[in-house]
């Protein structure tokens, strides 16, 4: 759902998939959080599809991490797709970053009460529900992140439109008009899916990063759930 909390999903063999909660503990969760950039987190494990049930295959089960692995699939496990779980057992994790971790800058999302509707081509998406905004760098009225501290930043965009109209949008460097990453929610069969992407970029003071809708976007897409978010944090200052 975000770079801090949500259902655990892994991209493997050209598709996303979930992880079963069987024997999943805080050592396994530490590896998940490390993959997201939270090295010193104090994670909380949520069982029984706490963050909702996935639709893609269950990829891993019965993990036995030491907590020191860099990626989840390096942990001891029976192997890819070797599991006896349904999606009612999809595991979720809250990373709860510590004060010594990478400082995040902002996280903004949509909800059933804070929606984005009437989406059209070339629109700048403004995510109305600001969960946190360290330094006040994200403007929910203008839909942009404005760099205060020069450095290397990581941005994460996730989208899952409601209804049948897919949405394609970019993480865009507004000053250079460079498309840093694309998120396309079309499933190729006339419907929508959850899609996300990450961009890493060096910024100087005053430069802006936005989310811009593709120029060929059809009308009718709507964002009204917590799976639609834009977040970013300072990886390291210059």
C-alpha atoms as a PDB file:
ATOM      1  CA  UNK A   1       0.000   0.000   0.000  1.00  0.00           C
ATOM      2  CA  UNK A   2       2.987   2.304   0.609  1.00  0.00           C
ATOM      3  CA  UNK A   3       6.741   2.264   1.266  1.00  0.00           C
ATOM      4  CA  UNK A   4       6.021   2.069   5.015  1.00  0.00           C
ATOM      5  CA  UNK A   5       3.089  -0.322   5.428  1.00  0.00           C
ATOM      6  CA  UNK A   6       0.925  -2.682   3.412  1.00  0.00           C
ATOM      7  CA  UNK A   7       0.492  -6.144   1.923  1.00  0.00           C
ATOM      8  CA  UNK A   8       3.828  -7.742   1.044  1.00  0.00           C
ATOM      9  CA  UNK A   9       4.166  -8.330  -2.700  1.00  0.00           C
ATOM     10  CA  UNK A  10       7.155  -9.440  -4.771  1.00  0.00           C
ATOM     11  CA  UNK A  11       7.794  -9.127  -8.501  1.00  0.00           C
ATOM     12  CA  UNK A  12       8.993 -12.473  -9.878  1.00  0.00           C
ATOM     13  CA  UNK A  13       8.810 -14.176 -13.269  1.00  0.00           C
ATOM     14  CA  UNK A  14       7.097 -11.159 -14.905  1.00  0.00           C
ATOM     15  CA  UNK A  15       4.276 -10.902 -12.367  1.00  0.00           C
ATOM     16  CA  UNK A  16       3.516  -9.731  -8.853  1.00  0.00           C
ATOM     17  CA  UNK A  17       2.667 -12.154  -6.090  1.00  0.00           C
ATOM     18  CA  UNK A  18       2.009 -12.304  -2.357  1.00  0.00           C
ATOM     19  CA  UNK A  19       3.709 -13.951   0.613  1.00  0.00           C
ATOM     20  CA  UNK A  20       1.950 -16.373   2.983  1.00  0.00           C
ATOM     21  CA  UNK A  21       1.772 -15.573   6.697  1.00  0.00           C
ATOM     22  CA  UNK A  22       2.714 -19.134   7.793  1.00  0.00           C
ATOM     23  CA  UNK A  23       5.642 -18.816  10.253  1.00  0.00           C
ATOM     24  CA  UNK A  24       6.199 -15.211   9.138  1.00  0.00           C
ATOM     25  CA  UNK A  25       7.745 -13.270  12.025  1.00  0.00           C
ATOM     26  CA  UNK A  26       9.607 -10.042  12.759  1.00  0.00           C
ATOM     27  CA  UNK A  27      12.892 -11.388  11.351  1.00  0.00           C
ATOM     28  CA  UNK A  28      11.171 -11.928   7.992  1.00  0.00           C
ATOM     29  CA  UNK A  29       9.559  -8.493   8.277  1.00  0.00           C
ATOM     30  CA  UNK A  30      12.946  -6.845   8.898  1.00  0.00           C
ATOM     31  CA  UNK A  31      14.087  -8.106   5.506  1.00  0.00           C
ATOM     32  CA  UNK A  32      10.948  -6.718   3.852  1.00  0.00           C
ATOM     33  CA  UNK A  33      11.595  -3.313   5.427  1.00  0.00           C
ATOM     34  CA  UNK A  34      15.280  -3.392   4.437  1.00  0.00           C
ATOM     35  CA  UNK A  35      14.227  -3.938   0.811  1.00  0.00           C
ATOM     36  CA  UNK A  36      12.171  -0.735   1.091  1.00  0.00           C
ATOM     37  CA  UNK A  37      15.061   1.281   2.525  1.00  0.00           C
ATOM     38  CA  UNK A  38      14.253   1.008   6.242  1.00  0.00           C
ATOM     39  CA  UNK A  39      17.422  -0.493   7.694  1.00  0.00           C
ATOM     40  CA  UNK A  40      16.695  -0.026  11.401  1.00  0.00           C
ATOM     41  CA  UNK A  41      12.943  -0.451  11.562  1.00  0.00           C
ATOM     42  CA  UNK A  42      10.903  -2.123  14.296  1.00  0.00           C
ATOM     43  CA  UNK A  43       8.369  -3.928  12.100  1.00  0.00           C
ATOM     44  CA  UNK A  44       4.929  -5.208  12.990  1.00  0.00           C
ATOM     45  CA  UNK A  45       3.565  -8.318  11.238  1.00  0.00           C
ATOM     46  CA  UNK A  46      -0.104  -8.488  10.221  1.00  0.00           C
ATOM     47  CA  UNK A  47      -1.581 -11.885   9.384  1.00  0.00           C
ATOM     48  CA  UNK A  48      -4.801 -13.019   7.687  1.00  0.00           C
ATOM     49  CA  UNK A  49      -4.839 -10.508   4.806  1.00  0.00           C
ATOM     50  CA  UNK A  50      -4.940  -7.503   7.150  1.00  0.00           C
ATOM     51  CA  UNK A  51      -4.213  -5.211   4.185  1.00  0.00           C
ATOM     52  CA  UNK A  52      -6.573  -7.029   1.837  1.00  0.00           C
ATOM     53  CA  UNK A  53      -6.296 -10.109  -0.322  1.00  0.00           C
ATOM     54  CA  UNK A  54      -4.075 -10.153  -3.390  1.00  0.00           C
ATOM     55  CA  UNK A  55      -5.135 -11.566  -6.746  1.00  0.00           C
ATOM     56  CA  UNK A  56      -1.788 -12.743  -8.118  1.00  0.00           C
ATOM     57  CA  UNK A  57      -0.084 -16.045  -7.163  1.00  0.00           C
ATOM     58  CA  UNK A  58       1.206 -16.745  -3.663  1.00  0.00           C
ATOM     59  CA  UNK A  59       4.949 -16.823  -4.336  1.00  0.00           C
ATOM     60  CA  UNK A  60       6.609 -17.700  -1.030  1.00  0.00           C
ATOM     61  CA  UNK A  61       5.660 -19.585   2.133  1.00  0.00           C
ATOM     62  CA  UNK A  62       7.290 -20.801   5.358  1.00  0.00           C
ATOM     63  CA  UNK A  63      10.094 -18.237   5.296  1.00  0.00           C
ATOM     64  CA  UNK A  64      12.821 -18.575   7.905  1.00  0.00           C
ATOM     65  CA  UNK A  65      14.850 -15.374   7.724  1.00  0.00           C
ATOM     66  CA  UNK A  66      17.651 -14.526  10.133  1.00  0.00           C
ATOM     67  CA  UNK A  67      16.849 -10.834   9.695  1.00  0.00           C
ATOM     68  CA  UNK A  68      20.201 -10.125   8.037  1.00  0.00           C
ATOM     69  CA  UNK A  69      19.287 -11.005   4.435  1.00  0.00           C
ATOM     70  CA  UNK A  70      19.144  -8.241   1.816  1.00  0.00           C
ATOM     71  CA  UNK A  71      16.142  -9.669  -0.044  1.00  0.00           C
ATOM     72  CA  UNK A  72      13.297 -11.948   1.026  1.00  0.00           C
ATOM     73  CA  UNK A  73      14.028 -14.759  -1.419  1.00  0.00           C
ATOM     74  CA  UNK A  74      17.515 -15.204   0.078  1.00  0.00           C
ATOM     75  CA  UNK A  75      15.852 -16.446   3.258  1.00  0.00           C
ATOM     76  CA  UNK A  76      15.433 -20.168   3.798  1.00  0.00           C
ATOM     77  CA  UNK A  77      12.174 -21.247   2.134  1.00  0.00           C
ATOM     78  CA  UNK A  78      10.683 -24.228   0.241  1.00  0.00           C
ATOM     79  CA  UNK A  79      10.989 -22.454  -3.138  1.00  0.00           C
ATOM     80  CA  UNK A  80       8.969 -20.293  -5.481  1.00  0.00           C
ATOM     81  CA  UNK A  81       5.251 -21.220  -5.684  1.00  0.00           C
ATOM     82  CA  UNK A  82       5.713 -24.024  -3.131  1.00  0.00           C
ATOM     83  CA  UNK A  83       2.957 -23.159  -0.674  1.00  0.00           C
ATOM     84  CA  UNK A  84      -0.335 -24.322   0.778  1.00  0.00           C
ATOM     85  CA  UNK A  85      -1.986 -20.954   1.331  1.00  0.00           C
ATOM     86  CA  UNK A  86      -4.945 -18.995   0.081  1.00  0.00           C
ATOM     87  CA  UNK A  87      -5.055 -15.218  -0.213  1.00  0.00           C
ATOM     88  CA  UNK A  88      -6.776 -15.076   3.153  1.00  0.00           C
ATOM     89  CA  UNK A  89      -3.268 -15.692   4.523  1.00  0.00           C
ATOM     90  CA  UNK A  90      -1.517 -12.847   2.655  1.00  0.00           C
ATOM     91  CA  UNK A  91       0.922 -11.256   5.083  1.00  0.00           C
ATOM     92  CA  UNK A  92       1.242  -7.514   5.702  1.00  0.00           C
ATOM     93  CA  UNK A  93       3.969  -5.463   7.377  1.00  0.00           C
ATOM     94  CA  UNK A  94       4.273  -2.076   9.088  1.00  0.00           C
ATOM     95  CA  UNK A  95       7.909  -0.995   8.920  1.00  0.00           C
ATOM     96  CA  UNK A  96       7.792   1.689  11.662  1.00  0.00           C
ATOM     97  CA  UNK A  97      11.100   3.348  10.665  1.00  0.00           C
ATOM     98  CA  UNK A  98      13.365   4.453  13.491  1.00  0.00           C
ATOM     99  CA  UNK A  99      14.879   7.904  13.918  1.00  0.00           C
ATOM    100  CA  UNK A 100      18.212   6.592  12.605  1.00  0.00           C
ATOM    101  CA  UNK A 101      16.639   5.430   9.342  1.00  0.00           C
ATOM    102  CA  UNK A 102      16.365   7.263   6.058  1.00  0.00           C
ATOM    103  CA  UNK A 103      14.250  10.375   6.596  1.00  0.00           C
ATOM    104  CA  UNK A 104      11.129  10.281   4.481  1.00  0.00           C
ATOM    105  CA  UNK A 105       9.765  13.574   3.165  1.00  0.00           C
ATOM    106  CA  UNK A 106       6.084  12.942   2.464  1.00  0.00           C
ATOM    107  CA  UNK A 107       3.317  10.438   1.802  1.00  0.00           C
ATOM    108  CA  UNK A 108       0.030  11.482   0.211  1.00  0.00           C
ATOM    109  CA  UNK A 109      -2.836   9.266  -0.924  1.00  0.00           C
ATOM    110  CA  UNK A 110      -6.470   9.052  -1.881  1.00  0.00           C
ATOM    111  CA  UNK A 111      -9.210   7.507   0.267  1.00  0.00           C
ATOM    112  CA  UNK A 112     -12.956   7.005  -0.039  1.00  0.00           C
ATOM    113  CA  UNK A 113     -13.322  10.497   1.458  1.00  0.00           C
ATOM    114  CA  UNK A 114     -10.414  12.155  -0.409  1.00  0.00           C
ATOM    115  CA  UNK A 115     -10.792  11.284  -4.088  1.00  0.00           C
ATOM    116  CA  UNK A 116      -9.459  12.334  -7.480  1.00  0.00           C
ATOM    117  CA  UNK A 117     -12.152  12.216 -10.179  1.00  0.00           C
ATOM    118  CA  UNK A 118     -12.611  13.626 -13.668  1.00  0.00           C
ATOM    119  CA  UNK A 119      -9.053  12.680 -14.568  1.00  0.00           C
ATOM    120  CA  UNK A 120      -7.972  13.858 -18.032  1.00  0.00           C
ATOM    121  CA  UNK A 121      -4.911  13.858 -20.297  1.00  0.00           C
ATOM    122  CA  UNK A 122      -1.822  15.803 -19.100  1.00  0.00           C
ATOM    123  CA  UNK A 123      -3.384  16.480 -15.697  1.00  0.00           C
ATOM    124  CA  UNK A 124      -1.151  16.921 -12.653  1.00  0.00           C
ATOM    125  CA  UNK A 125      -2.516  14.555 -10.005  1.00  0.00           C
ATOM    126  CA  UNK A 126      -2.861  16.122  -6.559  1.00  0.00           C
ATOM    127  CA  UNK A 127      -3.141  13.532  -3.794  1.00  0.00           C
ATOM    128  CA  UNK A 128      -5.420  15.151  -1.204  1.00  0.00           C
ATOM    129  CA  UNK A 129      -4.884  13.092   1.966  1.00  0.00           C
ATOM    130  CA  UNK A 130      -1.434  13.898   3.368  1.00  0.00           C
ATOM    131  CA  UNK A 131      -0.406  11.209   5.839  1.00  0.00           C
ATOM    132  CA  UNK A 132       2.879  12.932   6.667  1.00  0.00           C
ATOM    133  CA  UNK A 133       4.802  15.834   5.171  1.00  0.00           C
ATOM    134  CA  UNK A 134       8.182  16.374   6.769  1.00  0.00           C
ATOM    135  CA  UNK A 135       9.288  19.929   6.130  1.00  0.00           C
ATOM    136  CA  UNK A 136       6.073  20.754   4.285  1.00  0.00           C
ATOM    137  CA  UNK A 137       7.676  19.872   0.937  1.00  0.00           C
ATOM    138  CA  UNK A 138       4.551  18.408  -0.718  1.00  0.00           C
ATOM    139  CA  UNK A 139       1.728  20.702  -1.844  1.00  0.00           C
ATOM    140  CA  UNK A 140      -1.655  18.975  -2.011  1.00  0.00           C
ATOM    141  CA  UNK A 141      -3.120  22.023  -3.732  1.00  0.00           C
ATOM    142  CA  UNK A 142      -0.448  22.208  -6.430  1.00  0.00           C
ATOM    143  CA  UNK A 143       0.344  18.488  -6.560  1.00  0.00           C
ATOM    144  CA  UNK A 144       4.108  18.941  -6.480  1.00  0.00           C
ATOM    145  CA  UNK A 145       7.055  18.046  -4.271  1.00  0.00           C
ATOM    146  CA  UNK A 146       9.453  20.969  -3.953  1.00  0.00           C
ATOM    147  CA  UNK A 147      13.052  20.191  -3.003  1.00  0.00           C
ATOM    148  CA  UNK A 148      14.314  22.073   0.054  1.00  0.00           C
ATOM    149  CA  UNK A 149      17.434  20.025   0.836  1.00  0.00           C
ATOM    150  CA  UNK A 150      19.536  19.233  -2.291  1.00  0.00           C
ATOM    151  CA  UNK A 151      20.330  15.560  -2.650  1.00  0.00           C
ATOM    152  CA  UNK A 152      19.240  12.215  -4.077  1.00  0.00           C
ATOM    153  CA  UNK A 153      15.550  11.456  -3.621  1.00  0.00           C
ATOM    154  CA  UNK A 154      13.436   8.336  -4.019  1.00  0.00           C
ATOM    155  CA  UNK A 155       9.831   8.691  -5.217  1.00  0.00           C
ATOM    156  CA  UNK A 156       7.210   5.939  -5.227  1.00  0.00           C
ATOM    157  CA  UNK A 157       3.920   6.050  -7.126  1.00  0.00           C
ATOM    158  CA  UNK A 158       1.131   3.479  -6.786  1.00  0.00           C
ATOM    159  CA  UNK A 159      -2.179   3.539  -8.638  1.00  0.00           C
ATOM    160  CA  UNK A 160      -5.329   1.379  -8.676  1.00  0.00           C
ATOM    161  CA  UNK A 161      -8.246   3.170 -10.378  1.00  0.00           C
ATOM    162  CA  UNK A 162     -11.810   2.281  -9.529  1.00  0.00           C
ATOM    163  CA  UNK A 163     -13.960   1.142 -12.441  1.00  0.00           C
ATOM    164  CA  UNK A 164     -12.829  -0.111 -15.827  1.00  0.00           C
ATOM    165  CA  UNK A 165     -10.881   2.888 -17.182  1.00  0.00           C
ATOM    166  CA  UNK A 166      -7.102   2.292 -16.839  1.00  0.00           C
ATOM    167  CA  UNK A 167      -4.778   5.123 -15.862  1.00  0.00           C
ATOM    168  CA  UNK A 168      -1.269   5.812 -17.121  1.00  0.00           C
ATOM    169  CA  UNK A 169       0.838   8.425 -15.382  1.00  0.00           C
ATOM    170  CA  UNK A 170       4.458   9.460 -14.908  1.00  0.00           C
ATOM    171  CA  UNK A 171       6.681  10.605 -12.085  1.00  0.00           C
ATOM    172  CA  UNK A 172       7.922  13.753 -13.814  1.00  0.00           C
ATOM    173  CA  UNK A 173      10.796  16.153 -13.145  1.00  0.00           C
ATOM    174  CA  UNK A 174       8.815  19.336 -13.719  1.00  0.00           C
ATOM    175  CA  UNK A 175      11.817  21.570 -14.362  1.00  0.00           C
ATOM    176  CA  UNK A 176      13.361  19.388 -17.083  1.00  0.00           C
ATOM    177  CA  UNK A 177      10.133  17.654 -18.215  1.00  0.00           C
ATOM    178  CA  UNK A 178      11.951  14.345 -17.811  1.00  0.00           C
ATOM    179  CA  UNK A 179       9.781  11.274 -17.273  1.00  0.00           C
ATOM    180  CA  UNK A 180      11.465   9.489 -14.388  1.00  0.00           C
ATOM    181  CA  UNK A 181       9.120   6.470 -14.153  1.00  0.00           C
ATOM    182  CA  UNK A 182       5.848   5.274 -15.652  1.00  0.00           C
ATOM    183  CA  UNK A 183       2.901   3.547 -13.955  1.00  0.00           C
ATOM    184  CA  UNK A 184       0.367   1.861 -16.254  1.00  0.00           C
ATOM    185  CA  UNK A 185      -2.675   0.238 -14.641  1.00  0.00           C
ATOM    186  CA  UNK A 186      -3.996  -1.468 -17.785  1.00  0.00           C
ATOM    187  CA  UNK A 187      -4.031  -5.247 -17.401  1.00  0.00           C
ATOM    188  CA  UNK A 188      -4.088  -5.765 -21.166  1.00  0.00           C
ATOM    189  CA  UNK A 189      -7.582  -7.270 -21.037  1.00  0.00           C
ATOM    190  CA  UNK A 190      -9.697  -4.146 -20.893  1.00  0.00           C
ATOM    191  CA  UNK A 191      -9.598  -3.774 -17.121  1.00  0.00           C
ATOM    192  CA  UNK A 192      -7.389  -2.268 -14.434  1.00  0.00           C
ATOM    193  CA  UNK A 193      -4.805  -3.573 -11.997  1.00  0.00           C
ATOM    194  CA  UNK A 194      -2.637  -2.162  -9.218  1.00  0.00           C
ATOM    195  CA  UNK A 195       0.668  -0.886 -10.580  1.00  0.00           C
ATOM    196  CA  UNK A 196       3.581   0.954  -9.003  1.00  0.00           C
ATOM    197  CA  UNK A 197       7.048   2.208  -9.810  1.00  0.00           C
ATOM    198  CA  UNK A 198      10.011   3.916  -8.195  1.00  0.00           C
ATOM    199  CA  UNK A 199      12.189   6.804  -9.406  1.00  0.00           C
ATOM    200  CA  UNK A 200      15.563   7.901  -8.020  1.00  0.00           C
ATOM    201  CA  UNK A 201      16.725  11.391  -8.966  1.00  0.00           C
ATOM    202  CA  UNK A 202      19.153  14.099  -7.868  1.00  0.00           C
ATOM    203  CA  UNK A 203      17.453  17.413  -7.110  1.00  0.00           C
ATOM    204  CA  UNK A 204      18.673  20.899  -6.352  1.00  0.00           C
ATOM    205  CA  UNK A 205      16.858  23.388  -4.144  1.00  0.00           C
ATOM    206  CA  UNK A 206      13.580  24.578  -5.646  1.00  0.00           C
ATOM    207  CA  UNK A 207      13.242  21.827  -8.249  1.00  0.00           C
ATOM    208  CA  UNK A 208       9.884  20.080  -8.391  1.00  0.00           C
ATOM    209  CA  UNK A 209       8.618  16.552  -8.999  1.00  0.00           C
ATOM    210  CA  UNK A 210       4.994  15.889  -9.969  1.00  0.00           C
ATOM    211  CA  UNK A 211       2.718  13.075 -11.130  1.00  0.00           C
ATOM    212  CA  UNK A 212       1.432  13.790 -14.642  1.00  0.00           C
ATOM    213  CA  UNK A 213      -1.213  11.856 -16.561  1.00  0.00           C
ATOM    214  CA  UNK A 214      -0.300  10.526 -20.009  1.00  0.00           C
ATOM    215  CA  UNK A 215      -1.233  12.638 -23.045  1.00  0.00           C
ATOM    216  CA  UNK A 216      -3.412   9.824 -24.467  1.00  0.00           C
ATOM    217  CA  UNK A 217      -5.428   9.243 -21.289  1.00  0.00           C
ATOM    218  CA  UNK A 218      -9.132   8.511 -21.762  1.00  0.00           C
ATOM    219  CA  UNK A 219     -11.631  10.300 -19.544  1.00  0.00           C
ATOM    220  CA  UNK A 220     -13.380   8.543 -16.667  1.00  0.00           C
ATOM    221  CA  UNK A 221     -10.605   7.244 -14.410  1.00  0.00           C
ATOM    222  CA  UNK A 222     -11.142   7.740 -10.674  1.00  0.00           C
ATOM    223  CA  UNK A 223      -8.869   7.297  -7.651  1.00  0.00           C
ATOM    224  CA  UNK A 224     -10.634   6.717  -4.345  1.00  0.00           C
ATOM    225  CA  UNK A 225      -8.696   4.168  -2.267  1.00  0.00           C
ATOM    226  CA  UNK A 226      -5.499   3.875  -0.198  1.00  0.00           C
ATOM    227  CA  UNK A 227      -3.775   1.901  -2.974  1.00  0.00           C
ATOM    228  CA  UNK A 228      -3.342   5.208  -4.818  1.00  0.00           C
ATOM    229  CA  UNK A 229      -0.442   7.172  -3.364  1.00  0.00           C
ATOM    230  CA  UNK A 230       2.606   9.323  -4.056  1.00  0.00           C
ATOM    231  CA  UNK A 231       5.502   9.347  -1.619  1.00  0.00           C
ATOM    232  CA  UNK A 232       9.113  10.434  -1.516  1.00  0.00           C
ATOM    233  CA  UNK A 233      12.083  10.680   0.812  1.00  0.00           C
ATOM    234  CA  UNK A 234      15.642  11.964   0.898  1.00  0.00           C
ATOM    235  CA  UNK A 235      18.038   9.080   0.298  1.00  0.00           C
ATOM    236  CA  UNK A 236      21.110  11.169   1.043  1.00  0.00           C
ATOM    237  CA  UNK A 237      21.918  14.892   0.894  1.00  0.00           C
ATOM    238  CA  UNK A 238      24.517  16.319  -1.461  1.00  0.00           C
END
